[in-house]
Amino acid sequence: MENDARILELKRELQVKEEHLKASNEELETSNEELKSSNEEMQSINEELQSTNEELETSKEELQSVNEELATVNTELQNKVTDLSQAINDMNNLLGGTGIGTIFVDHQLRILRFTPAVTQVINLIPTDVGRPVGHIVSNLLGYARLVEDIKEVLDSLIPKDIEVQTRESSWYLLRIRPYRTLENVIKGAVITFTDITEMKRARDILKESEALTMNISNLIPANRKEGELATLKKLSRAEFLEPYRTQRLTKDGRIMEVWLTATSLVNEAGEVYAIATTEREIKPENTTKEDHD
């Protein structure tokens, strides 16, 4: 009986171990399947990583190509910036060297930039850039149509030239022109002020000289006119002349010898506005005759 019980116990232990072994085998088989699945996933991941590495390599080559292109563009841009800087410096030196006051305005008549010379005519400071030109106080006398004239030029594209005077009695030629780009697009207007004070003064003197010439031309003999005109030109330049001997025509057509003393009459501005002459007839009996022109 003891043997049978022992055999029964051993059978039970064997069954338990077989069941345990079976369970272990099943777990091992499951683990193997999971490991196989993991290996397949790892293989797939490796393939994806390889593909990603290839894409990254391609992207790296493309990025390197883009960087080379950017380096080329950057060099070209730097060269253009250098050229532009040089052009701006040249333009500023040109505008400053000419002494012509210049203002650039946009379509809304806002000041874009100006040259230092223009401050003699219009009271501008650097902070005025961006302000409407009509808000700036000018030094012009009897001229208040700057805004209207600029608008007319922008509307018609027809330039304007106007002679204006400052409160200090200087004269300027005001020129208003459309501002055109290289593409012939109108971006605003350019206003320039050129000092013409000396030219106006010379013009006035010339007119006075011509008037003086006409006043006495009928009194000068034909063979003396050229010399007398040269003398008048010297006097119109306020040059001093010593008294000299010359000839004059009388009302009856007779030529008489005279001593002529001429004096330029100069105003407070130093301009010749008339010439006064004293003519003394030369006679044996020493009688005199005086005329004033």
Protein backbone atom coordinates (compact mmCIF):
# COMPACT_ATOMS: atom_id res chain seq x y z
CA MET A 1 0.00 0.00 0.00
CA GLU A 2 2.85 2.32 0.78
CA ASN A 3 4.34 1.69 -2.61
CA ASP A 4 1.10 2.49 -4.34
CA ALA A 5 0.75 5.70 -2.42
CA ARG A 6 4.33 6.64 -3.23
CA ILE A 7 3.77 5.89 -6.91
CA LEU A 8 0.58 7.95 -6.86
CA GLU A 9 2.40 10.86 -5.23
CA LEU A 10 5.20 10.66 -7.77
CA LYS A 11 2.67 10.63 -10.61
CA ARG A 12 1.05 13.71 -9.17
CA GLU A 13 4.41 15.47 -8.85
CA LEU A 14 5.26 14.43 -12.41
CA GLN A 15 1.93 15.77 -13.66
CA VAL A 16 2.47 19.04 -11.86
CA LYS A 17 5.96 19.33 -13.35
CA GLU A 18 4.66 18.46 -16.81
CA GLU A 19 1.98 21.05 -16.48
CA HIS A 20 4.55 23.54 -15.23
CA LEU A 21 6.88 22.62 -18.08
CA LYS A 22 4.02 22.96 -20.54
CA ALA A 23 3.17 26.35 -19.16
CA SER A 24 6.84 27.36 -19.33
CA ASN A 25 7.02 26.15 -22.93
CA GLU A 26 3.93 28.12 -23.78
CA GLU A 27 5.38 31.19 -22.12
CA LEU A 28 8.65 30.62 -23.93
CA GLU A 29 6.83 30.23 -27.22
CA THR A 30 4.91 33.41 -26.51
CA SER A 31 8.16 35.18 -25.61
CA ASN A 32 9.76 33.91 -28.80
CA GLU A 33 6.87 35.20 -30.84
CA GLU A 34 7.06 38.54 -29.07
CA LEU A 35 10.81 38.60 -29.57
CA LYS A 36 10.33 37.75 -33.25
CA SER A 37 7.78 40.54 -33.52
CA SER A 38 10.17 42.90 -31.76
CA ASN A 39 12.94 41.88 -34.11
CA GLU A 40 10.70 42.58 -37.07
CA GLU A 41 9.83 45.97 -35.61
CA MET A 42 13.49 46.67 -34.96
CA GLN A 43 14.24 45.67 -38.52
CA SER A 44 11.53 48.01 -39.75
CA ILE A 45 12.85 50.77 -37.50
CA ASN A 46 16.37 50.17 -38.79
CA GLU A 47 15.11 50.40 -42.34
CA GLU A 48 13.25 53.63 -41.50
CA LEU A 49 16.35 54.97 -39.78
CA GLN A 50 18.42 54.09 -42.81
CA SER A 51 15.90 55.83 -45.04
CA THR A 52 15.89 58.83 -42.69
CA ASN A 53 19.70 58.90 -42.74
CA GLU A 54 19.62 58.87 -46.51
CA GLU A 55 17.09 61.70 -46.50
CA LEU A 56 19.20 63.60 -43.98
CA GLU A 57 22.24 63.11 -46.17
CA THR A 58 20.30 64.41 -49.14
CA SER A 59 19.00 67.34 -47.06
CA LYS A 60 22.54 68.01 -45.88
CA GLU A 61 23.76 68.17 -49.47
CA GLU A 62 20.84 70.42 -50.43
CA LEU A 63 21.48 72.63 -47.38
CA GLN A 64 25.13 72.87 -48.31
CA SER A 65 24.12 73.89 -51.83
CA VAL A 66 21.68 76.47 -50.43
CA ASN A 67 24.38 77.80 -48.11
CA GLU A 68 26.74 78.19 -51.06
CA GLU A 69 24.03 80.03 -53.01
CA LEU A 70 23.30 82.22 -49.97
CA ALA A 71 26.99 82.99 -49.63
CA THR A 72 27.08 84.04 -53.29
CA VAL A 73 23.93 86.15 -52.88
CA ASN A 74 25.31 87.66 -49.69
CA THR A 75 28.53 88.62 -51.48
CA GLU A 76 26.56 90.18 -54.33
CA LEU A 77 24.32 92.00 -51.82
CA GLN A 78 27.35 93.28 -49.92
CA ASN A 79 28.82 94.58 -53.19
CA LYS A 80 25.52 96.30 -54.01
CA VAL A 81 25.37 97.83 -50.52
CA THR A 82 28.92 99.11 -51.00
CA ASP A 83 28.03 100.52 -54.43
CA LEU A 84 24.85 102.08 -53.02
CA SER A 85 26.76 103.60 -50.12
CA GLN A 86 29.29 105.04 -52.56
CA ALA A 87 26.49 106.40 -54.77
CA ILE A 88 24.79 108.02 -51.76
CA ASN A 89 28.08 109.58 -50.67
CA ASP A 90 28.69 110.84 -54.21
CA MET A 91 25.16 112.27 -54.40
CA ASN A 92 25.45 113.97 -51.00
CA ASN A 93 28.81 115.47 -51.92
CA LEU A 94 27.48 116.54 -55.31
CA LEU A 95 24.39 118.18 -53.87
CA GLY A 96 26.37 119.77 -51.06
CA GLY A 97 29.15 120.95 -53.38
CA THR A 98 26.88 122.68 -55.88
CA GLY A 99 25.51 125.01 -53.21
CA ILE A 100 22.03 124.52 -54.66
CA GLY A 101 19.40 124.13 -51.94
CA THR A 102 17.35 121.00 -52.65
CA ILE A 103 14.27 119.45 -51.03
CA PHE A 104 12.80 116.05 -51.94
CA VAL A 105 9.12 115.49 -51.12
CA ASP A 106 6.73 112.56 -51.66
CA HIS A 107 3.21 112.65 -53.11
CA GLN A 108 1.83 113.78 -49.74
CA LEU A 109 4.37 116.67 -49.81
CA ARG A 110 6.22 115.20 -46.83
CA ILE A 111 9.92 116.03 -46.70
CA LEU A 112 12.09 113.02 -47.54
CA ARG A 113 15.50 114.72 -47.41
CA PHE A 114 17.12 118.10 -47.99
CA THR A 115 20.55 119.65 -48.53
CA PRO A 116 22.14 122.09 -46.03
CA ALA A 117 22.10 124.98 -48.54
CA VAL A 118 18.30 125.10 -48.54
CA THR A 119 18.24 126.20 -44.89
CA GLN A 120 19.13 129.72 -46.08
CA VAL A 121 15.71 129.88 -47.73
CA ILE A 122 13.52 127.58 -45.62
CA ASN A 123 14.01 127.03 -41.89
CA LEU A 124 14.68 123.28 -41.87
CA ILE A 125 16.28 121.06 -39.23
CA PRO A 126 16.96 117.27 -39.39
CA THR A 127 13.85 116.46 -37.34
CA ASP A 128 11.69 118.08 -40.06
CA VAL A 129 12.14 115.00 -42.26
CA GLY A 130 8.70 113.40 -42.53
CA ARG A 131 6.83 116.66 -41.93
CA PRO A 132 4.68 118.32 -44.64
CA VAL A 133 6.67 121.01 -46.41
CA GLY A 134 3.76 123.41 -45.96
CA HIS A 135 4.28 123.34 -42.18
CA ILE A 136 7.80 124.74 -42.45
CA VAL A 137 8.39 128.50 -42.12
CA SER A 138 10.08 129.97 -45.19
CA ASN A 139 12.32 133.00 -45.49
CA LEU A 140 10.71 134.11 -48.75
CA LEU A 141 9.26 137.54 -49.27
CA GLY A 142 5.92 137.85 -51.07
CA TYR A 143 5.73 134.19 -52.11
CA ALA A 144 3.36 131.79 -50.33
CA ARG A 145 2.37 129.41 -53.14
CA LEU A 146 4.99 126.70 -52.65
CA VAL A 147 2.47 124.00 -51.70
CA GLU A 148 0.05 124.98 -54.50
CA ASP A 149 2.85 125.09 -57.09
CA ILE A 150 4.18 121.68 -56.05
CA LYS A 151 0.68 120.22 -56.35
CA GLU A 152 0.28 121.74 -59.82
CA VAL A 153 3.57 120.19 -60.95
CA LEU A 154 2.56 116.77 -59.58
CA ASP A 155 -0.84 117.02 -61.28
CA SER A 156 0.37 118.30 -64.66
CA LEU A 157 3.99 116.98 -64.63
CA ILE A 158 4.95 120.38 -66.10
CA PRO A 159 8.00 121.93 -64.37
CA LYS A 160 7.83 125.39 -62.82
CA ASP A 161 10.55 128.08 -62.66
CA ILE A 162 9.92 131.06 -60.36
CA GLU A 163 12.19 133.90 -59.25
CA VAL A 164 11.77 134.49 -55.51
CA GLN A 165 13.36 136.86 -53.01
CA THR A 166 14.34 136.28 -49.38
CA ARG A 167 13.85 138.73 -46.54
CA GLU A 168 17.61 139.42 -46.73
CA SER A 169 17.09 140.66 -50.35
CA SER A 170 18.80 137.64 -51.92
CA TRP A 171 17.25 136.30 -55.12
CA TYR A 172 16.77 132.60 -55.93
CA LEU A 173 15.51 130.69 -58.93
CA LEU A 174 12.93 128.28 -57.53
CA ARG A 175 12.57 125.17 -59.69
CA ILE A 176 9.95 122.48 -59.09
CA ARG A 177 10.34 119.20 -60.99
CA PRO A 178 8.62 115.80 -60.78
CA TYR A 179 10.81 113.18 -59.06
CA ARG A 180 11.16 110.30 -61.52
CA THR A 181 12.65 106.88 -60.78
CA LEU A 182 14.73 104.86 -63.24
CA GLU A 183 11.49 103.13 -64.20
CA ASN A 184 9.98 106.56 -65.00
CA VAL A 185 7.60 106.34 -62.02
CA ILE A 186 6.69 109.63 -60.33
CA LYS A 187 7.53 109.35 -56.63
CA GLY A 188 7.14 112.98 -55.61
CA ALA A 189 8.82 116.27 -56.45
CA VAL A 190 12.25 117.93 -56.29
CA ILE A 191 12.43 121.59 -55.26
CA THR A 192 15.69 123.47 -55.86
CA PHE A 193 16.79 127.01 -54.97
CA THR A 194 19.66 128.49 -57.03
CA ASP A 195 21.15 131.78 -55.89
CA ILE A 196 20.77 134.30 -58.74
CA THR A 197 21.44 137.46 -56.72
CA GLU A 198 24.56 138.39 -58.69
CA MET A 199 22.86 137.60 -61.98
CA LYS A 200 19.88 139.80 -61.06
CA ARG A 201 22.23 142.57 -60.04
CA ALA A 202 24.17 142.29 -63.31
CA ARG A 203 20.91 142.23 -65.26
CA ASP A 204 19.68 145.39 -63.55
CA ILE A 205 23.00 147.13 -64.13
CA LEU A 206 22.91 146.11 -67.77
CA LYS A 207 19.40 147.53 -68.14
CA GLU A 208 20.51 150.83 -66.54
CA SER A 209 23.57 150.87 -68.75
CA GLU A 210 21.44 150.35 -71.85
CA ALA A 211 19.10 153.12 -70.74
CA LEU A 212 22.01 155.46 -70.15
CA THR A 213 23.42 154.59 -73.55
CA MET A 214 20.11 155.41 -75.21
CA ASN A 215 19.85 158.72 -73.33
CA ILE A 216 23.10 160.17 -74.63
CA SER A 217 23.62 158.20 -77.84
CA ASN A 218 22.09 160.98 -79.90
CA LEU A 219 24.65 163.43 -78.50
CA ILE A 220 27.73 161.41 -79.50
CA PRO A 221 29.31 161.85 -82.97
CA ALA A 222 29.32 158.65 -85.03
CA ASN A 223 33.12 158.28 -84.96
CA ARG A 224 33.11 158.51 -81.14
CA LYS A 225 30.23 156.14 -80.26
CA GLU A 226 32.28 152.96 -79.87
CA GLY A 227 34.72 154.58 -77.47
CA GLU A 228 31.94 156.26 -75.49
CA LEU A 229 30.07 152.97 -75.09
CA ALA A 230 33.21 151.33 -73.73
CA THR A 231 33.49 154.18 -71.25
CA LEU A 232 29.87 153.70 -70.14
CA LYS A 233 30.50 150.02 -69.51
CA LYS A 234 33.41 150.89 -67.23
CA LEU A 235 31.22 153.36 -65.36
CA SER A 236 28.45 150.75 -64.99
CA ARG A 237 31.00 148.64 -63.12
CA ALA A 238 31.66 151.57 -60.79
CA GLU A 239 35.17 152.15 -62.15
CA PHE A 240 36.69 155.60 -61.60
CA LEU A 241 37.59 157.57 -64.72
CA GLU A 242 39.76 160.65 -64.97
CA PRO A 243 38.22 163.65 -66.83
CA TYR A 244 38.87 163.30 -70.55
CA ARG A 245 38.50 165.29 -73.76
CA THR A 246 35.78 164.22 -76.19
CA GLN A 247 33.19 165.60 -78.62
CA ARG A 248 29.47 166.24 -78.54
CA LEU A 249 26.81 167.13 -81.14
CA THR A 250 24.89 170.36 -80.71
CA LYS A 251 21.22 170.73 -81.64
CA ASP A 252 22.16 172.36 -84.90
CA GLY A 253 24.47 169.45 -85.81
CA ARG A 254 27.73 171.17 -84.98
CA ILE A 255 30.54 169.15 -83.31
CA MET A 256 32.06 170.79 -80.29
CA GLU A 257 35.06 169.85 -78.16
CA VAL A 258 34.33 169.25 -74.46
CA TRP A 259 36.02 168.17 -71.24
CA LEU A 260 33.88 165.39 -69.69
CA THR A 261 33.84 164.41 -66.03
CA ALA A 262 31.73 161.30 -65.30
CA THR A 263 30.73 159.90 -61.91
CA SER A 264 28.91 156.63 -61.11
CA LEU A 265 26.02 157.02 -58.67
CA VAL A 266 25.93 154.01 -56.32
CA ASN A 267 23.10 152.98 -53.99
CA GLU A 268 23.42 151.48 -50.48
CA ALA A 269 23.79 147.99 -51.95
CA GLY A 270 26.82 149.14 -53.94
CA GLU A 271 24.93 149.01 -57.25
CA VAL A 272 25.29 151.62 -59.99
CA TYR A 273 21.88 153.15 -60.65
CA ALA A 274 22.90 156.20 -62.74
CA ILE A 275 25.85 158.09 -64.21
CA ALA A 276 26.25 161.84 -63.72
CA THR A 277 28.34 163.71 -66.31
CA THR A 278 29.67 167.26 -66.40
CA GLU A 279 30.64 168.45 -69.89
CA ARG A 280 32.66 171.66 -70.23
CA GLU A 281 32.92 173.09 -73.73
CA ILE A 282 36.44 174.02 -74.79
CA LYS A 283 36.45 177.55 -76.28
CA PRO A 284 39.18 180.06 -76.84
CA GLU A 285 37.29 182.58 -74.77
CA ASN A 286 37.03 179.89 -72.01
CA THR A 287 33.24 179.91 -71.74
CA THR A 288 31.67 176.73 -70.32
CA LYS A 289 28.59 174.62 -70.78
CA GLU A 290 27.45 171.90 -68.35
CA ASP A 291 25.08 168.98 -68.99
CA HIS A 292 23.91 166.29 -66.59
CA ASP A 293 22.62 162.85 -67.67
